[in-house]
Amino acid sequence: MTRIIAGQARGRRLTVPRSGTRPTSDRVRESLFASIESRLHADGRHWSDIAVCDLWAGSGALALEAWSRGAIRVVAIDASRAAVDAIAANAAQLGALVGAPGVRVVRANVSGAVCSPPVGGCFDLVLADPPYEVPSDSIHRDLMSAWAAGWFAPDAIVVVERSIRSSSPFPEVVSQVEQRAYGDTALWYGRVMTEAKTSSAVRST
């Protein structure tokens, strides 16, 4: 059973597609959001200061958790019709599809979506939970495309959930900050590099 952990929708249950998704466990989500909050506070920011994008969103649990905590703009993207239907249903029953801020649900292939500038502007936090079978070099390309298309705000936080056996998912423009393991799951935390450092990293590749 998947529930919202904190915020205005705390304790509310979420519907998970019967197949084709791998919901992040409550334990991992709780650790993930505690870590993000710690990083935001260190930056002098709060959830109400940031825009969030959830790539390969599945049930939308991460997007809706961010919305519940007060993120000013939330976008959830997934290519699966079942996943998008589940996200929309979950958002509707939480009241997250109406008013501002709200959750925008997009059915799209992530690799294609990130090649164009994001509707509504860049994101301060990007969460990515691709299927474990997606190779790291493919995720590198997608995140690099997102960077080139203007998806990342300056110094944006990027968190990718992967198998513990996977290599780093980050391209050169994202500086790895930390990796945390939870059984077979690993969370990779990164920061989008500043413009000067990014330009240097891109030139060196």
N, C-alpha and C. Protein backbone atom coordinates (compact mmCIF):
# COMPACT_ATOMS: atom_id res chain seq x y z
N MET A 1 0.84 -1.20 0.00
CA MET A 1 0.00 0.00 0.00
C MET A 1 0.88 1.25 0.00
N THR A 2 0.60 2.17 -0.90
CA THR A 2 1.38 3.39 -1.02
C THR A 2 0.57 4.57 -0.49
N ARG A 3 1.19 5.35 0.38
CA ARG A 3 0.51 6.49 0.99
C ARG A 3 1.38 7.74 0.86
N ILE A 4 0.73 8.90 0.92
CA ILE A 4 1.44 10.17 1.04
C ILE A 4 2.00 10.25 2.46
N ILE A 5 3.27 10.65 2.57
CA ILE A 5 3.95 10.61 3.86
C ILE A 5 3.72 11.87 4.68
N ALA A 6 3.73 13.03 4.03
CA ALA A 6 3.66 14.28 4.80
C ALA A 6 2.94 15.35 3.99
N GLY A 7 2.61 16.45 4.68
CA GLY A 7 1.97 17.57 4.00
C GLY A 7 0.46 17.53 4.08
N GLN A 8 -0.18 18.30 3.20
CA GLN A 8 -1.63 18.46 3.27
C GLN A 8 -2.39 17.17 2.98
N ALA A 9 -1.79 16.23 2.26
CA ALA A 9 -2.46 14.96 1.94
C ALA A 9 -1.89 13.79 2.73
N ARG A 10 -1.24 14.07 3.83
CA ARG A 10 -0.59 13.04 4.62
C ARG A 10 -1.54 11.89 4.96
N GLY A 11 -1.05 10.65 4.72
CA GLY A 11 -1.82 9.46 5.05
C GLY A 11 -2.78 9.00 3.97
N ARG A 12 -3.00 9.80 2.94
CA ARG A 12 -3.93 9.42 1.88
C ARG A 12 -3.32 8.32 1.01
N ARG A 13 -4.15 7.35 0.63
CA ARG A 13 -3.70 6.22 -0.17
C ARG A 13 -3.62 6.57 -1.65
N LEU A 14 -2.69 5.91 -2.34
CA LEU A 14 -2.54 6.10 -3.77
C LEU A 14 -2.76 4.78 -4.50
N THR A 15 -3.36 4.89 -5.68
CA THR A 15 -3.56 3.72 -6.54
C THR A 15 -2.28 3.47 -7.33
N VAL A 16 -1.87 2.20 -7.42
CA VAL A 16 -0.67 1.82 -8.16
C VAL A 16 -1.08 0.93 -9.33
N PRO A 17 -0.58 1.20 -10.55
CA PRO A 17 -0.92 0.32 -11.69
C PRO A 17 -0.58 -1.13 -11.37
N ARG A 18 -1.41 -2.05 -11.86
CA ARG A 18 -1.22 -3.46 -11.54
C ARG A 18 0.07 -4.02 -12.09
N SER A 19 0.56 -3.47 -13.18
CA SER A 19 1.81 -3.95 -13.77
C SER A 19 2.51 -2.82 -14.49
N GLY A 20 3.81 -3.02 -14.76
CA GLY A 20 4.55 -2.06 -15.55
C GLY A 20 5.18 -0.92 -14.79
N THR A 21 4.96 -0.85 -13.48
CA THR A 21 5.60 0.19 -12.67
C THR A 21 6.26 -0.46 -11.46
N ARG A 22 7.20 0.27 -10.86
CA ARG A 22 7.90 -0.20 -9.67
C ARG A 22 7.83 0.92 -8.62
N PRO A 23 6.74 0.96 -7.84
CA PRO A 23 6.58 2.06 -6.89
C PRO A 23 7.74 2.12 -5.90
N THR A 24 8.22 3.32 -5.64
CA THR A 24 9.23 3.52 -4.61
C THR A 24 8.63 3.20 -3.25
N SER A 25 9.30 2.38 -2.46
CA SER A 25 8.76 1.98 -1.16
C SER A 25 8.62 3.19 -0.25
N ASP A 26 7.71 3.09 0.73
CA ASP A 26 7.50 4.18 1.66
C ASP A 26 8.79 4.51 2.41
N ARG A 27 9.56 3.49 2.76
CA ARG A 27 10.82 3.71 3.49
C ARG A 27 11.80 4.52 2.66
N VAL A 28 11.94 4.16 1.38
CA VAL A 28 12.86 4.88 0.51
C VAL A 28 12.35 6.29 0.25
N ARG A 29 11.05 6.43 0.02
CA ARG A 29 10.48 7.77 -0.21
C ARG A 29 10.68 8.68 1.00
N GLU A 30 10.46 8.12 2.18
CA GLU A 30 10.63 8.92 3.39
C GLU A 30 12.07 9.41 3.51
N SER A 31 13.03 8.55 3.25
CA SER A 31 14.44 8.93 3.30
C SER A 31 14.76 9.95 2.21
N LEU A 32 14.23 9.72 1.02
CA LEU A 32 14.45 10.62 -0.11
C LEU A 32 13.98 12.03 0.21
N PHE A 33 12.77 12.15 0.69
CA PHE A 33 12.22 13.49 0.93
C PHE A 33 12.84 14.15 2.15
N ALA A 34 13.25 13.37 3.14
CA ALA A 34 13.97 13.95 4.28
C ALA A 34 15.30 14.53 3.82
N SER A 35 15.98 13.82 2.92
CA SER A 35 17.26 14.29 2.41
C SER A 35 17.07 15.55 1.56
N ILE A 36 16.03 15.56 0.72
CA ILE A 36 15.77 16.75 -0.10
C ILE A 36 15.46 17.95 0.79
N GLU A 37 14.63 17.76 1.81
CA GLU A 37 14.29 18.86 2.71
C GLU A 37 15.54 19.42 3.39
N SER A 38 16.44 18.51 3.78
CA SER A 38 17.69 18.94 4.41
C SER A 38 18.51 19.81 3.46
N ARG A 39 18.56 19.40 2.18
CA ARG A 39 19.31 20.17 1.19
C ARG A 39 18.64 21.51 0.90
N LEU A 40 17.32 21.51 0.85
CA LEU A 40 16.61 22.78 0.63
C LEU A 40 16.85 23.75 1.79
N HIS A 41 16.77 23.24 3.01
CA HIS A 41 16.98 24.10 4.17
C HIS A 41 18.40 24.65 4.18
N ALA A 42 19.37 23.82 3.77
CA ALA A 42 20.76 24.28 3.71
C ALA A 42 20.91 25.41 2.69
N ASP A 43 20.06 25.40 1.66
CA ASP A 43 20.06 26.45 0.64
C ASP A 43 19.22 27.65 1.04
N GLY A 44 18.54 27.56 2.18
CA GLY A 44 17.65 28.63 2.60
C GLY A 44 16.33 28.64 1.85
N ARG A 45 15.92 27.46 1.36
CA ARG A 45 14.69 27.36 0.57
C ARG A 45 13.71 26.39 1.23
N HIS A 46 12.46 26.44 0.74
CA HIS A 46 11.41 25.55 1.22
C HIS A 46 10.69 24.96 0.01
N TRP A 47 9.80 23.99 0.26
CA TRP A 47 9.04 23.40 -0.84
C TRP A 47 8.27 24.46 -1.61
N SER A 48 7.79 25.47 -0.91
CA SER A 48 7.00 26.51 -1.56
C SER A 48 7.83 27.40 -2.48
N ASP A 49 9.14 27.15 -2.52
CA ASP A 49 10.02 27.93 -3.40
C ASP A 49 10.39 27.20 -4.68
N ILE A 50 10.01 25.92 -4.80
CA ILE A 50 10.59 25.13 -5.90
C ILE A 50 9.55 24.51 -6.83
N ALA A 51 9.99 24.31 -8.08
CA ALA A 51 9.23 23.58 -9.09
C ALA A 51 9.84 22.19 -9.22
N VAL A 52 9.00 21.19 -9.40
CA VAL A 52 9.44 19.78 -9.36
C VAL A 52 8.97 19.05 -10.61
N CYS A 53 9.86 18.22 -11.18
CA CYS A 53 9.49 17.35 -12.28
C CYS A 53 9.78 15.91 -11.89
N ASP A 54 8.82 15.03 -12.14
CA ASP A 54 8.93 13.60 -11.85
C ASP A 54 8.95 12.85 -13.18
N LEU A 55 10.14 12.37 -13.57
CA LEU A 55 10.30 11.64 -14.83
C LEU A 55 10.12 10.14 -14.59
N TRP A 56 9.52 9.44 -15.57
CA TRP A 56 9.15 8.03 -15.39
C TRP A 56 8.33 7.92 -14.10
N ALA A 57 7.23 8.65 -14.06
CA ALA A 57 6.54 8.92 -12.80
C ALA A 57 5.76 7.75 -12.22
N GLY A 58 5.43 6.73 -13.04
CA GLY A 58 4.73 5.56 -12.49
C GLY A 58 3.38 5.91 -11.89
N SER A 59 3.22 5.67 -10.60
CA SER A 59 1.95 5.98 -9.92
C SER A 59 1.84 7.46 -9.59
N GLY A 60 2.94 8.20 -9.74
CA GLY A 60 2.94 9.61 -9.38
C GLY A 60 3.20 9.87 -7.92
N ALA A 61 3.64 8.84 -7.18
CA ALA A 61 3.83 8.99 -5.74
C ALA A 61 4.84 10.09 -5.40
N LEU A 62 5.93 10.19 -6.17
CA LEU A 62 6.93 11.21 -5.87
C LEU A 62 6.40 12.60 -6.21
N ALA A 63 5.76 12.73 -7.36
CA ALA A 63 5.19 14.02 -7.75
C ALA A 63 4.15 14.49 -6.74
N LEU A 64 3.28 13.58 -6.33
CA LEU A 64 2.20 13.95 -5.42
C LEU A 64 2.72 14.21 -4.00
N GLU A 65 3.79 13.54 -3.62
CA GLU A 65 4.42 13.83 -2.33
C GLU A 65 4.97 15.26 -2.34
N ALA A 66 5.63 15.63 -3.44
CA ALA A 66 6.15 17.00 -3.55
C ALA A 66 5.02 18.02 -3.52
N TRP A 67 3.92 17.72 -4.24
CA TRP A 67 2.75 18.61 -4.23
C TRP A 67 2.19 18.74 -2.81
N SER A 68 2.04 17.61 -2.12
CA SER A 68 1.48 17.61 -0.77
C SER A 68 2.31 18.49 0.17
N ARG A 69 3.61 18.52 -0.06
CA ARG A 69 4.51 19.30 0.80
C ARG A 69 4.57 20.77 0.41
N GLY A 70 3.92 21.12 -0.71
CA GLY A 70 3.78 22.53 -1.04
C GLY A 70 4.57 23.04 -2.21
N ALA A 71 5.13 22.15 -3.06
CA ALA A 71 5.88 22.60 -4.23
C ALA A 71 5.02 23.51 -5.09
N ILE A 72 5.60 24.58 -5.64
CA ILE A 72 4.81 25.59 -6.35
C ILE A 72 4.34 25.11 -7.73
N ARG A 73 5.07 24.16 -8.32
CA ARG A 73 4.68 23.62 -9.62
C ARG A 73 5.20 22.19 -9.71
N VAL A 74 4.35 21.28 -10.14
CA VAL A 74 4.73 19.86 -10.22
C VAL A 74 4.28 19.30 -11.56
N VAL A 75 5.20 18.63 -12.26
CA VAL A 75 4.89 17.97 -13.52
C VAL A 75 5.29 16.50 -13.40
N ALA A 76 4.39 15.60 -13.79
CA ALA A 76 4.66 14.16 -13.78
C ALA A 76 4.58 13.64 -15.20
N ILE A 77 5.63 12.94 -15.63
CA ILE A 77 5.72 12.47 -17.02
C ILE A 77 5.94 10.96 -17.06
N ASP A 78 5.15 10.28 -17.87
CA ASP A 78 5.33 8.84 -18.09
C ASP A 78 4.75 8.48 -19.45
N ALA A 79 5.34 7.46 -20.07
CA ALA A 79 4.87 7.05 -21.40
C ALA A 79 3.72 6.07 -21.35
N SER A 80 3.51 5.42 -20.21
CA SER A 80 2.51 4.37 -20.08
C SER A 80 1.12 4.95 -19.87
N ARG A 81 0.15 4.49 -20.66
CA ARG A 81 -1.23 4.92 -20.46
C ARG A 81 -1.73 4.53 -19.08
N ALA A 82 -1.41 3.31 -18.63
CA ALA A 82 -1.86 2.86 -17.31
C ALA A 82 -1.28 3.75 -16.22
N ALA A 83 0.00 4.11 -16.36
CA ALA A 83 0.63 4.96 -15.36
C ALA A 83 0.00 6.35 -15.35
N VAL A 84 -0.19 6.94 -16.51
CA VAL A 84 -0.77 8.28 -16.60
C VAL A 84 -2.20 8.29 -16.04
N ASP A 85 -2.96 7.24 -16.35
CA ASP A 85 -4.32 7.15 -15.80
C ASP A 85 -4.29 7.06 -14.28
N ALA A 86 -3.32 6.28 -13.74
CA ALA A 86 -3.20 6.15 -12.28
C ALA A 86 -2.80 7.48 -11.64
N ILE A 87 -1.84 8.18 -12.26
CA ILE A 87 -1.42 9.47 -11.72
C ILE A 87 -2.59 10.45 -11.72
N ALA A 88 -3.32 10.51 -12.83
CA ALA A 88 -4.45 11.43 -12.93
C ALA A 88 -5.52 11.09 -11.90
N ALA A 89 -5.78 9.80 -11.71
CA ALA A 89 -6.78 9.38 -10.72
C ALA A 89 -6.33 9.74 -9.31
N ASN A 90 -5.05 9.48 -9.03
CA ASN A 90 -4.53 9.82 -7.70
C ASN A 90 -4.58 11.33 -7.46
N ALA A 91 -4.16 12.10 -8.47
CA ALA A 91 -4.18 13.55 -8.33
C ALA A 91 -5.60 14.07 -8.15
N ALA A 92 -6.54 13.49 -8.88
CA ALA A 92 -7.93 13.93 -8.77
C ALA A 92 -8.50 13.67 -7.38
N GLN A 93 -8.22 12.48 -6.85
CA GLN A 93 -8.81 12.17 -5.54
C GLN A 93 -8.14 12.96 -4.40
N LEU A 94 -6.96 13.49 -4.67
CA LEU A 94 -6.30 14.36 -3.68
C LEU A 94 -6.66 15.83 -3.88
N GLY A 95 -7.32 16.13 -5.00
CA GLY A 95 -7.62 17.52 -5.32
C GLY A 95 -6.43 18.26 -5.89
N ALA A 96 -5.48 17.51 -6.46
CA ALA A 96 -4.23 18.11 -6.94
C ALA A 96 -4.31 18.56 -8.40
N LEU A 97 -5.45 18.37 -9.04
CA LEU A 97 -5.58 18.79 -10.44
C LEU A 97 -6.26 20.14 -10.59
N VAL A 98 -6.70 20.68 -9.46
CA VAL A 98 -7.42 21.96 -9.52
C VAL A 98 -6.67 23.01 -8.70
N GLY A 99 -6.87 24.25 -9.07
CA GLY A 99 -6.25 25.33 -8.32
C GLY A 99 -4.77 25.46 -8.62
N ALA A 100 -4.13 26.34 -7.88
CA ALA A 100 -2.69 26.56 -8.02
C ALA A 100 -2.08 26.61 -6.61
N PRO A 101 -1.05 25.82 -6.36
CA PRO A 101 -0.38 24.95 -7.32
C PRO A 101 -1.17 23.68 -7.59
N GLY A 102 -0.91 23.07 -8.73
CA GLY A 102 -1.52 21.80 -9.07
C GLY A 102 -0.49 20.91 -9.72
N VAL A 103 -0.92 19.71 -10.08
CA VAL A 103 -0.03 18.74 -10.72
C VAL A 103 -0.41 18.62 -12.19
N ARG A 104 0.54 18.78 -13.07
CA ARG A 104 0.32 18.60 -14.50
C ARG A 104 0.80 17.20 -14.87
N VAL A 105 -0.08 16.42 -15.46
CA VAL A 105 0.23 15.03 -15.83
C VAL A 105 0.42 14.96 -17.34
N VAL A 106 1.55 14.43 -17.77
CA VAL A 106 1.89 14.40 -19.19
C VAL A 106 2.20 12.96 -19.61
N ARG A 107 1.50 12.52 -20.68
CA ARG A 107 1.85 11.22 -21.25
C ARG A 107 2.84 11.45 -22.39
N ALA A 108 4.08 11.01 -22.18
CA ALA A 108 5.12 11.21 -23.19
C ALA A 108 6.29 10.30 -22.88
N ASN A 109 7.01 9.95 -23.93
CA ASN A 109 8.27 9.25 -23.76
C ASN A 109 9.29 10.25 -23.23
N VAL A 110 9.94 9.92 -22.12
CA VAL A 110 10.85 10.87 -21.49
C VAL A 110 11.94 11.31 -22.46
N SER A 111 12.52 10.37 -23.20
CA SER A 111 13.62 10.70 -24.11
C SER A 111 13.21 11.74 -25.15
N GLY A 112 11.95 11.69 -25.58
CA GLY A 112 11.45 12.67 -26.53
C GLY A 112 11.07 13.97 -25.86
N ALA A 113 10.45 13.88 -24.69
CA ALA A 113 9.96 15.07 -24.00
C ALA A 113 11.08 16.03 -23.63
N VAL A 114 12.20 15.48 -23.17
CA VAL A 114 13.27 16.35 -22.66
C VAL A 114 14.10 17.00 -23.77
N CYS A 115 13.79 16.72 -25.00
CA CYS A 115 14.51 17.35 -26.11
C CYS A 115 13.98 18.75 -26.43
N SER A 116 12.81 19.08 -25.87
CA SER A 116 12.20 20.40 -26.10
C SER A 116 12.13 21.15 -24.78
N PRO A 117 12.13 22.48 -24.81
CA PRO A 117 12.03 23.26 -23.57
C PRO A 117 10.76 22.90 -22.80
N PRO A 118 10.84 22.87 -21.47
CA PRO A 118 9.68 22.50 -20.67
C PRO A 118 8.61 23.59 -20.65
N VAL A 119 7.36 23.16 -20.73
CA VAL A 119 6.25 24.10 -20.62
C VAL A 119 6.22 24.67 -19.20
N GLY A 120 6.21 25.97 -19.09
CA GLY A 120 6.11 26.58 -17.77
C GLY A 120 7.44 26.94 -17.14
N GLY A 121 8.56 26.54 -17.75
CA GLY A 121 9.86 26.91 -17.21
C GLY A 121 10.63 25.76 -16.59
N CYS A 122 11.81 26.06 -16.10
CA CYS A 122 12.73 25.05 -15.59
C CYS A 122 12.33 24.56 -14.20
N PHE A 123 13.07 23.55 -13.73
CA PHE A 123 12.75 22.89 -12.47
C PHE A 123 13.92 22.97 -11.49
N ASP A 124 13.58 23.16 -10.22
CA ASP A 124 14.57 23.20 -9.16
C ASP A 124 14.90 21.81 -8.63
N LEU A 125 13.98 20.87 -8.82
CA LEU A 125 14.16 19.49 -8.38
C LEU A 125 13.65 18.57 -9.47
N VAL A 126 14.51 17.66 -9.92
CA VAL A 126 14.11 16.66 -10.91
C VAL A 126 14.29 15.29 -10.29
N LEU A 127 13.20 14.52 -10.24
CA LEU A 127 13.19 13.16 -9.71
C LEU A 127 13.04 12.20 -10.88
N ALA A 128 13.85 11.16 -10.92
CA ALA A 128 13.80 10.22 -12.04
C ALA A 128 13.85 8.79 -11.51
N ASP A 129 12.88 7.99 -11.93
CA ASP A 129 12.82 6.59 -11.51
C ASP A 129 12.60 5.71 -12.74
N PRO A 130 13.62 5.65 -13.63
CA PRO A 130 13.46 4.85 -14.85
C PRO A 130 13.45 3.37 -14.55
N PRO A 131 12.89 2.56 -15.44
CA PRO A 131 12.96 1.11 -15.24
C PRO A 131 14.42 0.67 -15.08
N TYR A 132 14.64 -0.31 -14.22
CA TYR A 132 16.01 -0.75 -13.95
C TYR A 132 16.72 -1.23 -15.20
N GLU A 133 15.95 -1.75 -16.17
CA GLU A 133 16.60 -2.28 -17.38
C GLU A 133 17.11 -1.18 -18.32
N VAL A 134 16.71 0.07 -18.09
CA VAL A 134 17.23 1.16 -18.90
C VAL A 134 18.70 1.37 -18.56
N PRO A 135 19.61 1.29 -19.54
CA PRO A 135 21.04 1.41 -19.24
C PRO A 135 21.42 2.82 -18.80
N SER A 136 22.50 2.89 -18.03
CA SER A 136 22.94 4.19 -17.52
C SER A 136 23.28 5.17 -18.62
N ASP A 137 23.87 4.69 -19.74
CA ASP A 137 24.24 5.64 -20.80
C ASP A 137 23.00 6.27 -21.44
N SER A 138 21.87 5.55 -21.45
CA SER A 138 20.63 6.12 -21.96
C SER A 138 20.12 7.23 -21.03
N ILE A 139 20.25 7.00 -19.72
CA ILE A 139 19.84 8.03 -18.75
C ILE A 139 20.77 9.24 -18.86
N HIS A 140 22.07 8.98 -19.06
CA HIS A 140 23.02 10.08 -19.28
C HIS A 140 22.52 10.98 -20.42
N ARG A 141 22.16 10.34 -21.54
CA ARG A 141 21.72 11.11 -22.70
C ARG A 141 20.45 11.90 -22.41
N ASP A 142 19.50 11.27 -21.71
CA ASP A 142 18.24 11.96 -21.41
C ASP A 142 18.48 13.17 -20.50
N LEU A 143 19.31 13.01 -19.48
CA LEU A 143 19.58 14.12 -18.57
C LEU A 143 20.38 15.21 -19.28
N MET A 144 21.26 14.81 -20.18
CA MET A 144 22.02 15.80 -20.95
C MET A 144 21.08 16.57 -21.88
N SER A 145 20.13 15.86 -22.49
CA SER A 145 19.14 16.52 -23.34
C SER A 145 18.30 17.50 -22.53
N ALA A 146 17.91 17.08 -21.33
CA ALA A 146 17.12 17.95 -20.46
C ALA A 146 17.90 19.22 -20.11
N TRP A 147 19.18 19.05 -19.81
CA TRP A 147 20.02 20.20 -19.50
C TRP A 147 20.10 21.15 -20.71
N ALA A 148 20.34 20.59 -21.87
CA ALA A 148 20.48 21.40 -23.08
C ALA A 148 19.19 22.14 -23.43
N ALA A 149 18.05 21.52 -23.10
CA ALA A 149 16.75 22.12 -23.43
C ALA A 149 16.22 23.05 -22.34
N GLY A 150 16.99 23.22 -21.27
CA GLY A 150 16.59 24.19 -20.25
C GLY A 150 15.66 23.67 -19.17
N TRP A 151 15.73 22.38 -18.88
CA TRP A 151 14.87 21.82 -17.85
C TRP A 151 15.36 22.10 -16.43
N PHE A 152 16.65 22.35 -16.27
CA PHE A 152 17.23 22.49 -14.93
C PHE A 152 17.44 23.95 -14.56
N ALA A 153 16.94 24.34 -13.39
CA ALA A 153 17.26 25.65 -12.85
C ALA A 153 18.72 25.65 -12.39
N PRO A 154 19.33 26.82 -12.20
CA PRO A 154 20.70 26.86 -11.69
C PRO A 154 20.80 26.11 -10.35
N ASP A 155 21.78 25.23 -10.26
CA ASP A 155 22.04 24.47 -9.03
C ASP A 155 20.89 23.54 -8.66
N ALA A 156 20.13 23.10 -9.67
CA ALA A 156 19.01 22.20 -9.42
C ALA A 156 19.48 20.90 -8.77
N ILE A 157 18.61 20.33 -7.95
CA ILE A 157 18.86 19.02 -7.35
C ILE A 157 18.29 17.96 -8.28
N VAL A 158 19.06 16.89 -8.52
CA VAL A 158 18.62 15.78 -9.35
C VAL A 158 18.77 14.50 -8.55
N VAL A 159 17.70 13.71 -8.47
CA VAL A 159 17.76 12.44 -7.75
C VAL A 159 17.27 11.34 -8.68
N VAL A 160 18.07 10.29 -8.81
CA VAL A 160 17.73 9.17 -9.69
C VAL A 160 17.70 7.89 -8.86
N GLU A 161 16.62 7.13 -9.01
CA GLU A 161 16.52 5.83 -8.34
C GLU A 161 16.93 4.74 -9.32
N ARG A 162 17.86 3.89 -8.89
CA ARG A 162 18.41 2.85 -9.76
C ARG A 162 18.62 1.57 -8.96
N SER A 163 18.94 0.49 -9.67
CA SER A 163 19.39 -0.72 -9.02
C SER A 163 20.74 -0.46 -8.37
N ILE A 164 21.00 -1.09 -7.24
CA ILE A 164 22.28 -0.94 -6.56
C ILE A 164 23.43 -1.39 -7.44
N ARG A 165 23.14 -2.20 -8.44
CA ARG A 165 24.20 -2.72 -9.33
C ARG A 165 24.49 -1.80 -10.51
N SER A 166 23.74 -0.71 -10.62
CA SER A 166 23.92 0.21 -11.74
C SER A 166 25.06 1.18 -11.47
N SER A 167 25.65 1.69 -12.55
CA SER A 167 26.68 2.73 -12.43
C SER A 167 26.00 4.09 -12.32
N SER A 168 26.79 5.12 -12.09
CA SER A 168 26.24 6.47 -11.93
C SER A 168 25.39 6.86 -13.13
N PRO A 169 24.21 7.42 -12.90
CA PRO A 169 23.33 7.83 -14.00
C PRO A 169 23.60 9.24 -14.49
N PHE A 170 24.57 9.94 -13.90
CA PHE A 170 24.71 11.37 -14.18
C PHE A 170 25.69 11.66 -15.32
N PRO A 171 25.29 12.56 -16.22
CA PRO A 171 26.22 13.06 -17.25
C PRO A 171 27.17 14.08 -16.63
N GLU A 172 28.06 14.61 -17.44
CA GLU A 172 29.10 15.51 -16.93
C GLU A 172 28.54 16.80 -16.33
N VAL A 173 27.35 17.21 -16.75
CA VAL A 173 26.80 18.49 -16.28
C VAL A 173 26.12 18.36 -14.92
N VAL A 174 26.04 17.15 -14.38
CA VAL A 174 25.48 16.94 -13.05
C VAL A 174 26.57 16.39 -12.14
N SER A 175 26.86 17.11 -11.09
CA SER A 175 27.89 16.69 -10.15
C SER A 175 27.29 15.77 -9.10
N GLN A 176 27.83 14.55 -8.99
CA GLN A 176 27.30 13.61 -8.00
C GLN A 176 27.63 14.08 -6.60
N VAL A 177 26.62 14.10 -5.74
CA VAL A 177 26.79 14.54 -4.37
C VAL A 177 26.85 13.35 -3.42
N GLU A 178 25.99 12.36 -3.67
CA GLU A 178 25.88 11.26 -2.72
C GLU A 178 25.15 10.09 -3.36
N GLN A 179 25.43 8.89 -2.87
CA GLN A 179 24.66 7.71 -3.22
C GLN A 179 24.26 7.01 -1.92
N ARG A 180 22.99 6.62 -1.82
CA ARG A 180 22.51 5.90 -0.65
C ARG A 180 21.85 4.60 -1.10
N ALA A 181 22.13 3.52 -0.38
CA ALA A 181 21.61 2.20 -0.75
C ALA A 181 20.54 1.74 0.24
N TYR A 182 19.51 1.11 -0.30
CA TYR A 182 18.42 0.53 0.49
C TYR A 182 18.11 -0.83 -0.11
N GLY A 183 18.77 -1.87 0.38
CA GLY A 183 18.59 -3.18 -0.21
C GLY A 183 19.08 -3.18 -1.65
N ASP A 184 18.19 -3.52 -2.59
CA ASP A 184 18.54 -3.55 -4.01
C ASP A 184 18.40 -2.20 -4.69
N THR A 185 17.96 -1.19 -3.94
CA THR A 185 17.70 0.14 -4.50
C THR A 185 18.80 1.11 -4.11
N ALA A 186 19.19 1.95 -5.06
CA ALA A 186 20.14 3.03 -4.77
C ALA A 186 19.54 4.36 -5.20
N LEU A 187 19.72 5.37 -4.38
CA LEU A 187 19.34 6.74 -4.72
C LEU A 187 20.62 7.52 -4.99
N TRP A 188 20.69 8.12 -6.18
CA TRP A 188 21.83 8.93 -6.58
C TRP A 188 21.41 10.39 -6.50
N TYR A 189 22.14 11.18 -5.71
CA TYR A 189 21.85 12.61 -5.56
C TYR A 189 22.90 13.41 -6.31
N GLY A 190 22.45 14.38 -7.09
CA GLY A 190 23.38 15.23 -7.82
C GLY A 190 22.91 16.67 -7.84
N ARG A 191 23.82 17.54 -8.25
CA ARG A 191 23.52 18.96 -8.44
C ARG A 191 23.93 19.36 -9.85
N VAL A 192 23.08 20.12 -10.50
CA VAL A 192 23.45 20.66 -11.80
C VAL A 192 24.56 21.68 -11.57
N MET A 193 25.62 21.55 -12.34
CA MET A 193 26.79 22.39 -12.14
C MET A 193 26.52 23.82 -12.55
N THR A 194 27.28 24.76 -11.97
CA THR A 194 27.16 26.16 -12.35
C THR A 194 27.58 26.33 -13.80
N GLU A 195 27.21 27.45 -14.39
CA GLU A 195 27.46 27.66 -15.82
C GLU A 195 28.94 27.52 -16.17
N ALA A 196 29.82 28.12 -15.37
CA ALA A 196 31.25 28.08 -15.68
C ALA A 196 31.79 26.67 -15.62
N LYS A 197 31.41 25.94 -14.57
CA LYS A 197 31.90 24.57 -14.41
C LYS A 197 31.30 23.67 -15.48
N THR A 198 30.03 23.93 -15.81
CA THR A 198 29.36 23.13 -16.84
C THR A 198 30.06 23.31 -18.18
N SER A 199 30.36 24.53 -18.55
CA SER A 199 31.01 24.80 -19.83
C SER A 199 32.36 24.09 -19.89
N SER A 200 33.09 24.10 -18.78
CA SER A 200 34.39 23.43 -18.74
C SER A 200 34.23 21.93 -18.90
N ALA A 201 33.22 21.36 -18.22
CA ALA A 201 32.99 19.91 -18.29
C ALA A 201 32.59 19.48 -19.69
N VAL A 202 31.74 20.27 -20.34
CA VAL A 202 31.28 19.93 -21.69
C VAL A 202 32.44 20.02 -22.68
N ARG A 203 33.29 21.02 -22.54
CA ARG A 203 34.44 21.16 -23.44
C ARG A 203 35.42 19.99 -23.30
N SER A 204 35.49 19.42 -22.08
CA SER A 204 36.47 18.36 -21.84
C SER A 204 36.01 17.00 -22.32
N THR A 205 34.75 16.86 -22.74
CA THR A 205 34.22 15.57 -23.18
C THR A 205 34.47 15.35 -24.66
